[in-house]
Structures are given as structure tokens and as C-alpha cells.
Amino acid sequence: MENQEQPQGTAQKEMKEMFARFFLDIAKLIFATLVLGNILAIFFSTEEIWKILCLIVIGFFGTVSSALMAYNTIKQTS
């Protein structure tokens, strides 16, 4: 009976680790596109800086929230 439960627990752990990797990848994408891309835009465009700054703030928020989701998923598997 114990042998049957162990592979199922391992499969659930692998699934949670896969979700954690997914959320970390999303965090990297959000950071790269919204934050880094718009920081570069500040240097090339002085018009409507408030829009660029809003996108940077949204990017930071998205990055932090995705990273927290990944951290919580990893924490649950431990």
C-alpha cells in the first residue's frame, strides 16, 4: 500500500515543481519586457515619461507576484 502512495506523491511533487518553474519563467519574462525594456525607453524618449514609469511599476509588481507564487509553490513541496 505504501509503495502505491509513494509514486503518486512523487508525481504531485514533480507537478508542483513544474508550476514553480513556470512562475519563475513568467517572472523573468515580465521583468525583461516591462521593466528592462521601459528603462531603456526612458533614455530614448522624453515624451510621456509617466506612461513609461507606470509600465515599469506594473512590471515590478508582476515580477514580484510571479516570484512569490513560485516561492510558495516550492515551499509547499518541501
PDB file of N, CA and C in Angstrom:
ATOM      1  N   MET A   1       0.818  -1.187   0.000  1.00  0.00           N
ATOM      2  CA  MET A   1       0.000   0.000   0.000  1.00  0.00           C
ATOM      3  C   MET A   1       0.872   1.265   0.000  1.00  0.00           C
ATOM      4  N   GLU A   2       1.945   1.220   0.780  1.00  0.00           N
ATOM      5  CA  GLU A   2       2.832   2.365   0.858  1.00  0.00           C
ATOM      6  C   GLU A   2       3.531   2.621  -0.477  1.00  0.00           C
ATOM      7  N   ASN A   3       3.856   1.553  -1.208  1.00  0.00           N
ATOM      8  CA  ASN A   3       4.538   1.699  -2.492  1.00  0.00           C
ATOM      9  C   ASN A   3       3.656   2.386  -3.518  1.00  0.00           C
ATOM     10  N   GLN A   4       2.339   2.202  -3.422  1.00  0.00           N
ATOM     11  CA  GLN A   4       1.438   2.846  -4.372  1.00  0.00           C
ATOM     12  C   GLN A   4       1.309   4.340  -4.084  1.00  0.00           C
ATOM     13  N   GLU A   5       1.384   4.724  -2.828  1.00  0.00           N
ATOM     14  CA  GLU A   5       1.250   6.128  -2.471  1.00  0.00           C
ATOM     15  C   GLU A   5       2.510   6.926  -2.803  1.00  0.00           C
ATOM     16  N   GLN A   6       3.643   6.287  -2.736  1.00  0.00           N
ATOM     17  CA  GLN A   6       4.902   6.992  -2.969  1.00  0.00           C
ATOM     18  C   GLN A   6       5.015   7.539  -4.396  1.00  0.00           C
ATOM     19  N   PRO A   7       4.722   6.746  -5.452  1.00  0.00           N
ATOM     20  CA  PRO A   7       4.809   7.337  -6.799  1.00  0.00           C
ATOM     21  C   PRO A   7       3.807   8.468  -7.011  1.00  0.00           C
ATOM     22  N   GLN A   8       2.633   8.361  -6.391  1.00  0.00           N
ATOM     23  CA  GLN A   8       1.649   9.427  -6.537  1.00  0.00           C
ATOM     24  C   GLN A   8       2.148  10.706  -5.859  1.00  0.00           C
ATOM     25  N   GLY A   9       2.757  10.567  -4.700  1.00  0.00           N
ATOM     26  CA  GLY A   9       3.330  11.728  -4.020  1.00  0.00           C
ATOM     27  C   GLY A   9       4.470  12.335  -4.811  1.00  0.00           C
ATOM     28  N   THR A  10       5.266  11.484  -5.436  1.00  0.00           N
ATOM     29  CA  THR A  10       6.367  11.968  -6.266  1.00  0.00           C
ATOM     30  C   THR A  10       5.829  12.710  -7.483  1.00  0.00           C
ATOM     31  N   ALA A  11       4.754  12.188  -8.071  1.00  0.00           N
ATOM     32  CA  ALA A  11       4.155  12.849  -9.233  1.00  0.00           C
ATOM     33  C   ALA A  11       3.591  14.214  -8.848  1.00  0.00           C
ATOM     34  N   GLN A  12       2.972  14.301  -7.681  1.00  0.00           N
ATOM     35  CA  GLN A  12       2.447  15.593  -7.231  1.00  0.00           C
ATOM     36  C   GLN A  12       3.579  16.581  -6.969  1.00  0.00           C
ATOM     37  N   LYS A  13       4.671  16.087  -6.400  1.00  0.00           N
ATOM     38  CA  LYS A  13       5.819  16.953  -6.135  1.00  0.00           C
ATOM     39  C   LYS A  13       6.423  17.459  -7.445  1.00  0.00           C
ATOM     40  N   GLU A  14       6.530  16.581  -8.432  1.00  0.00           N
ATOM     41  CA  GLU A  14       7.062  16.991  -9.737  1.00  0.00           C
ATOM     42  C   GLU A  14       6.150  18.008 -10.404  1.00  0.00           C
ATOM     43  N   MET A  15       4.830  17.835 -10.242  1.00  0.00           N
ATOM     44  CA  MET A  15       3.875  18.768 -10.825  1.00  0.00           C
ATOM     45  C   MET A  15       4.012  20.145 -10.169  1.00  0.00           C
ATOM     46  N   LYS A  16       4.173  20.179  -8.848  1.00  0.00           N
ATOM     47  CA  LYS A  16       4.350  21.457  -8.155  1.00  0.00           C
ATOM     48  C   LYS A  16       5.664  22.119  -8.552  1.00  0.00           C
ATOM     49  N   GLU A  17       6.709  21.322  -8.724  1.00  0.00           N
ATOM     50  CA  GLU A  17       7.984  21.885  -9.166  1.00  0.00           C
ATOM     51  C   GLU A  17       7.874  22.448 -10.576  1.00  0.00           C
ATOM     52  N   MET A  18       7.076  21.797 -11.422  1.00  0.00           N
ATOM     53  CA  MET A  18       6.865  22.285 -12.778  1.00  0.00           C
ATOM     54  C   MET A  18       6.136  23.633 -12.742  1.00  0.00           C
ATOM     55  N   PHE A  19       5.115  23.755 -11.874  1.00  0.00           N
ATOM     56  CA  PHE A  19       4.417  25.030 -11.729  1.00  0.00           C
ATOM     57  C   PHE A  19       5.352  26.111 -11.201  1.00  0.00           C
ATOM     58  N   ALA A  20       6.224  25.746 -10.268  1.00  0.00           N
ATOM     59  CA  ALA A  20       7.173  26.718  -9.724  1.00  0.00           C
ATOM     60  C   ALA A  20       8.110  27.219 -10.815  1.00  0.00           C
ATOM     61  N   ARG A  21       8.611  26.306 -11.648  1.00  0.00           N
ATOM     62  CA  ARG A  21       9.482  26.720 -12.756  1.00  0.00           C
ATOM     63  C   ARG A  21       8.728  27.616 -13.732  1.00  0.00           C
ATOM     64  N   PHE A  22       7.444  27.303 -13.971  1.00  0.00           N
ATOM     65  CA  PHE A  22       6.618  28.107 -14.862  1.00  0.00           C
ATOM     66  C   PHE A  22       6.488  29.534 -14.328  1.00  0.00           C
ATOM     67  N   PHE A  23       6.177  29.668 -13.032  1.00  0.00           N
ATOM     68  CA  PHE A  23       6.019  31.001 -12.455  1.00  0.00           C
ATOM     69  C   PHE A  23       7.336  31.777 -12.458  1.00  0.00           C
ATOM     70  N   LEU A  24       8.450  31.092 -12.249  1.00  0.00           N
ATOM     71  CA  LEU A  24       9.743  31.774 -12.314  1.00  0.00           C
ATOM     72  C   LEU A  24      10.051  32.235 -13.737  1.00  0.00           C
ATOM     73  N   ASP A  25       9.699  31.416 -14.726  1.00  0.00           N
ATOM     74  CA  ASP A  25       9.905  31.824 -16.116  1.00  0.00           C
ATOM     75  C   ASP A  25       9.031  33.020 -16.470  1.00  0.00           C
ATOM     76  N   ILE A  26       7.792  33.021 -15.980  1.00  0.00           N
ATOM     77  CA  ILE A  26       6.906  34.163 -16.214  1.00  0.00           C
ATOM     78  C   ILE A  26       7.489  35.421 -15.569  1.00  0.00           C
ATOM     79  N   ALA A  27       8.032  35.275 -14.359  1.00  0.00           N
ATOM     80  CA  ALA A  27       8.639  36.428 -13.680  1.00  0.00           C
ATOM     81  C   ALA A  27       9.799  36.985 -14.498  1.00  0.00           C
ATOM     82  N   LYS A  28      10.612  36.094 -15.061  1.00  0.00           N
ATOM     83  CA  LYS A  28      11.741  36.553 -15.881  1.00  0.00           C
ATOM     84  C   LYS A  28      11.258  37.276 -17.132  1.00  0.00           C
ATOM     85  N   LEU A  29      10.217  36.749 -17.768  1.00  0.00           N
ATOM     86  CA  LEU A  29       9.690  37.388 -18.974  1.00  0.00           C
ATOM     87  C   LEU A  29       9.107  38.764 -18.673  1.00  0.00           C
ATOM     88  N   ILE A  30       8.338  38.849 -17.595  1.00  0.00           N
ATOM     89  CA  ILE A  30       7.751  40.136 -17.221  1.00  0.00           C
ATOM     90  C   ILE A  30       8.853  41.147 -16.934  1.00  0.00           C
ATOM     91  N   PHE A  31       9.857  40.721 -16.190  1.00  0.00           N
ATOM     92  CA  PHE A  31      10.950  41.636 -15.853  1.00  0.00           C
ATOM     93  C   PHE A  31      11.675  42.095 -17.108  1.00  0.00           C
ATOM     94  N   ALA A  32      11.952  41.162 -17.995  1.00  0.00           N
ATOM     95  CA  ALA A  32      12.707  41.509 -19.202  1.00  0.00           C
ATOM     96  C   ALA A  32      11.925  42.452 -20.106  1.00  0.00           C
ATOM     97  N   THR A  33      10.646  42.206 -20.285  1.00  0.00           N
ATOM     98  CA  THR A  33       9.894  43.022 -21.235  1.00  0.00           C
ATOM     99  C   THR A  33       9.444  44.344 -20.646  1.00  0.00           C
ATOM    100  N   LEU A  34       8.764  44.302 -19.512  1.00  0.00           N
ATOM    101  CA  LEU A  34       8.198  45.536 -18.986  1.00  0.00           C
ATOM    102  C   LEU A  34       9.214  46.409 -18.267  1.00  0.00           C
ATOM    103  N   VAL A  35      10.081  45.819 -17.489  1.00  0.00           N
ATOM    104  CA  VAL A  35      10.989  46.633 -16.681  1.00  0.00           C
ATOM    105  C   VAL A  35      12.201  47.071 -17.496  1.00  0.00           C
ATOM    106  N   LEU A  36      12.973  46.121 -17.988  1.00  0.00           N
ATOM    107  CA  LEU A  36      14.195  46.485 -18.713  1.00  0.00           C
ATOM    108  C   LEU A  36      13.891  47.228 -20.004  1.00  0.00           C
ATOM    109  N   GLY A  37      12.871  46.786 -20.722  1.00  0.00           N
ATOM    110  CA  GLY A  37      12.511  47.455 -21.970  1.00  0.00           C
ATOM    111  C   GLY A  37      12.102  48.898 -21.765  1.00  0.00           C
ATOM    112  N   ASN A  38      11.365  49.159 -20.708  1.00  0.00           N
ATOM    113  CA  ASN A  38      10.911  50.526 -20.466  1.00  0.00           C
ATOM    114  C   ASN A  38      11.975  51.394 -19.817  1.00  0.00           C
ATOM    115  N   ILE A  39      12.905  50.798 -19.102  1.00  0.00           N
ATOM    116  CA  ILE A  39      14.027  51.595 -18.595  1.00  0.00           C
ATOM    117  C   ILE A  39      14.846  52.117 -19.767  1.00  0.00           C
ATOM    118  N   LEU A  40      15.038  51.281 -20.777  1.00  0.00           N
ATOM    119  CA  LEU A  40      15.740  51.749 -21.978  1.00  0.00           C
ATOM    120  C   LEU A  40      14.933  52.813 -22.706  1.00  0.00           C
ATOM    121  N   ALA A  41      13.609  52.694 -22.689  1.00  0.00           N
ATOM    122  CA  ALA A  41      12.766  53.672 -23.374  1.00  0.00           C
ATOM    123  C   ALA A  41      12.867  55.050 -22.738  1.00  0.00           C
ATOM    124  N   ILE A  42      13.146  55.109 -21.446  1.00  0.00           N
ATOM    125  CA  ILE A  42      13.291  56.410 -20.778  1.00  0.00           C
ATOM    126  C   ILE A  42      14.449  57.196 -21.392  1.00  0.00           C
ATOM    127  N   PHE A  43      15.524  56.509 -21.733  1.00  0.00           N
ATOM    128  CA  PHE A  43      16.694  57.194 -22.275  1.00  0.00           C
ATOM    129  C   PHE A  43      16.474  57.687 -23.703  1.00  0.00           C
ATOM    130  N   PHE A  44      15.579  57.044 -24.435  1.00  0.00           N
ATOM    131  CA  PHE A  44      15.379  57.414 -25.833  1.00  0.00           C
ATOM    132  C   PHE A  44      14.157  58.290 -26.063  1.00  0.00           C
ATOM    133  N   SER A  45      13.264  58.368 -25.090  1.00  0.00           N
ATOM    134  CA  SER A  45      12.050  59.151 -25.271  1.00  0.00           C
ATOM    135  C   SER A  45      11.784  59.963 -24.014  1.00  0.00           C
ATOM    136  N   THR A  46      11.639  61.255 -24.184  1.00  0.00           N
ATOM    137  CA  THR A  46      11.335  62.098 -23.030  1.00  0.00           C
ATOM    138  C   THR A  46       9.855  62.449 -22.977  1.00  0.00           C
ATOM    139  N   GLU A  47       9.107  62.069 -23.992  1.00  0.00           N
ATOM    140  CA  GLU A  47       7.678  62.347 -24.007  1.00  0.00           C
ATOM    141  C   GLU A  47       6.933  61.290 -23.200  1.00  0.00           C
ATOM    142  N   GLU A  48       5.975  61.749 -22.454  1.00  0.00           N
ATOM    143  CA  GLU A  48       5.087  60.878 -21.683  1.00  0.00           C
ATOM    144  C   GLU A  48       5.863  59.895 -20.807  1.00  0.00           C
ATOM    145  N   ILE A  49       6.741  60.434 -19.993  1.00  0.00           N
ATOM    146  CA  ILE A  49       7.542  59.595 -19.094  1.00  0.00           C
ATOM    147  C   ILE A  49       6.650  58.901 -18.077  1.00  0.00           C
ATOM    148  N   TRP A  50       5.515  59.507 -17.708  1.00  0.00           N
ATOM    149  CA  TRP A  50       4.653  58.893 -16.703  1.00  0.00           C
ATOM    150  C   TRP A  50       4.109  57.553 -17.183  1.00  0.00           C
ATOM    151  N   LYS A  51       3.847  57.415 -18.484  1.00  0.00           N
ATOM    152  CA  LYS A  51       3.369  56.124 -19.006  1.00  0.00           C
ATOM    153  C   LYS A  51       4.458  55.061 -18.887  1.00  0.00           C
ATOM    154  N   ILE A  52       5.669  55.445 -19.197  1.00  0.00           N
ATOM    155  CA  ILE A  52       6.790  54.509 -19.110  1.00  0.00           C
ATOM    156  C   ILE A  52       7.015  54.091 -17.661  1.00  0.00           C
ATOM    157  N   LEU A  53       6.951  55.067 -16.745  1.00  0.00           N
ATOM    158  CA  LEU A  53       7.137  54.749 -15.326  1.00  0.00           C
ATOM    159  C   LEU A  53       6.022  53.843 -14.804  1.00  0.00           C
ATOM    160  N   CYS A  54       4.795  54.050 -15.281  1.00  0.00           N
ATOM    161  CA  CYS A  54       3.682  53.171 -14.881  1.00  0.00           C
ATOM    162  C   CYS A  54       3.931  51.741 -15.350  1.00  0.00           C
ATOM    163  N   LEU A  55       4.427  51.577 -16.558  1.00  0.00           N
ATOM    164  CA  LEU A  55       4.721  50.235 -17.060  1.00  0.00           C
ATOM    165  C   LEU A  55       5.851  49.581 -16.274  1.00  0.00           C
ATOM    166  N   ILE A  56       6.827  50.374 -15.850  1.00  0.00           N
ATOM    167  CA  ILE A  56       7.913  49.826 -15.031  1.00  0.00           C
ATOM    168  C   ILE A  56       7.371  49.347 -13.690  1.00  0.00           C
ATOM    169  N   VAL A  57       6.487  50.140 -13.076  1.00  0.00           N
ATOM    170  CA  VAL A  57       5.891  49.745 -11.791  1.00  0.00           C
ATOM    171  C   VAL A  57       5.047  48.487 -11.958  1.00  0.00           C
ATOM    172  N   ILE A  58       4.265  48.414 -13.018  1.00  0.00           N
ATOM    173  CA  ILE A  58       3.468  47.212 -13.292  1.00  0.00           C
ATOM    174  C   ILE A  58       4.385  46.016 -13.506  1.00  0.00           C
ATOM    175  N   GLY A  59       5.490  46.232 -14.188  1.00  0.00           N
ATOM    176  CA  GLY A  59       6.450  45.154 -14.406  1.00  0.00           C
ATOM    177  C   GLY A  59       7.056  44.649 -13.117  1.00  0.00           C
ATOM    178  N   PHE A  60       7.425  45.580 -12.220  1.00  0.00           N
ATOM    179  CA  PHE A  60       7.953  45.160 -10.921  1.00  0.00           C
ATOM    180  C   PHE A  60       6.903  44.385 -10.137  1.00  0.00           C
ATOM    181  N   PHE A  61       5.662  44.869 -10.142  1.00  0.00           N
ATOM    182  CA  PHE A  61       4.590  44.178  -9.421  1.00  0.00           C
ATOM    183  C   PHE A  61       4.362  42.780  -9.990  1.00  0.00           C
ATOM    184  N   GLY A  62       4.329  42.660 -11.307  1.00  0.00           N
ATOM    185  CA  GLY A  62       4.153  41.345 -11.932  1.00  0.00           C
ATOM    186  C   GLY A  62       5.305  40.406 -11.649  1.00  0.00           C
ATOM    187  N   THR A  63       6.513  40.941 -11.660  1.00  0.00           N
ATOM    188  CA  THR A  63       7.688  40.122 -11.363  1.00  0.00           C
ATOM    189  C   THR A  63       7.656  39.607  -9.934  1.00  0.00           C
ATOM    190  N   VAL A  64       7.370  40.496  -8.998  1.00  0.00           N
ATOM    191  CA  VAL A  64       7.344  40.097  -7.586  1.00  0.00           C
ATOM    192  C   VAL A  64       6.222  39.104  -7.322  1.00  0.00           C
ATOM    193  N   SER A  65       5.038  39.335  -7.899  1.00  0.00           N
ATOM    194  CA  SER A  65       3.924  38.413  -7.648  1.00  0.00           C
ATOM    195  C   SER A  65       4.199  37.036  -8.248  1.00  0.00           C
ATOM    196  N   SER A  66       4.780  36.969  -9.428  1.00  0.00           N
ATOM    197  CA  SER A  66       5.103  35.672 -10.025  1.00  0.00           C
ATOM    198  C   SER A  66       6.189  34.955  -9.238  1.00  0.00           C
ATOM    199  N   ALA A  67       7.178  35.707  -8.778  1.00  0.00           N
ATOM    200  CA  ALA A  67       8.234  35.092  -7.973  1.00  0.00           C
ATOM    201  C   ALA A  67       7.688  34.588  -6.640  1.00  0.00           C
ATOM    202  N   LEU A  68       6.750  35.325  -6.036  1.00  0.00           N
ATOM    203  CA  LEU A  68       6.134  34.863  -4.788  1.00  0.00           C
ATOM    204  C   LEU A  68       5.306  33.600  -5.003  1.00  0.00           C
ATOM    205  N   MET A  69       4.604  33.530  -6.136  1.00  0.00           N
ATOM    206  CA  MET A  69       3.853  32.307  -6.444  1.00  0.00           C
ATOM    207  C   MET A  69       4.797  31.119  -6.564  1.00  0.00           C
ATOM    208  N   ALA A  70       5.916  31.330  -7.225  1.00  0.00           N
ATOM    209  CA  ALA A  70       6.900  30.252  -7.368  1.00  0.00           C
ATOM    210  C   ALA A  70       7.473  29.865  -6.012  1.00  0.00           C
ATOM    211  N   TYR A  71       7.777  30.848  -5.181  1.00  0.00           N
ATOM    212  CA  TYR A  71       8.326  30.569  -3.851  1.00  0.00           C
ATOM    213  C   TYR A  71       7.328  29.782  -3.002  1.00  0.00           C
ATOM    214  N   ASN A  72       6.060  30.189  -3.036  1.00  0.00           N
ATOM    215  CA  ASN A  72       5.043  29.476  -2.262  1.00  0.00           C
ATOM    216  C   ASN A  72       4.855  28.057  -2.765  1.00  0.00           C
ATOM    217  N   THR A  73       4.936  27.856  -4.068  1.00  0.00           N
ATOM    218  CA  THR A  73       4.807  26.514  -4.626  1.00  0.00           C
ATOM    219  C   THR A  73       5.975  25.645  -4.197  1.00  0.00           C
ATOM    220  N   ILE A  74       7.176  26.193  -4.225  1.00  0.00           N
ATOM    221  CA  ILE A  74       8.356  25.439  -3.787  1.00  0.00           C
ATOM    222  C   ILE A  74       8.270  25.143  -2.292  1.00  0.00           C
ATOM    223  N   LYS A  75       7.805  26.112  -1.520  1.00  0.00           N
ATOM    224  CA  LYS A  75       7.692  25.945  -0.074  1.00  0.00           C
ATOM    225  C   LYS A  75       6.702  24.828   0.278  1.00  0.00           C
ATOM    226  N   GLN A  76       5.627  24.699  -0.496  1.00  0.00           N
ATOM    227  CA  GLN A  76       4.628  23.660  -0.240  1.00  0.00           C
ATOM    228  C   GLN A  76       5.165  22.276  -0.549  1.00  0.00           C
ATOM    229  N   THR A  77       6.097  22.157  -1.486  1.00  0.00           N
ATOM    230  CA  THR A  77       6.636  20.840  -1.835  1.00  0.00           C
ATOM    231  C   THR A  77       7.647  20.359  -0.812  1.00  0.00           C
ATOM    232  N   SER A  78       8.224  21.266  -0.043  1.00  0.00           N
ATOM    233  CA  SER A  78       9.239  20.870   0.943  1.00  0.00           C
ATOM    234  C   SER A  78       8.612  20.222   2.151  1.00  0.00           C
TER     235      SER A  78
END
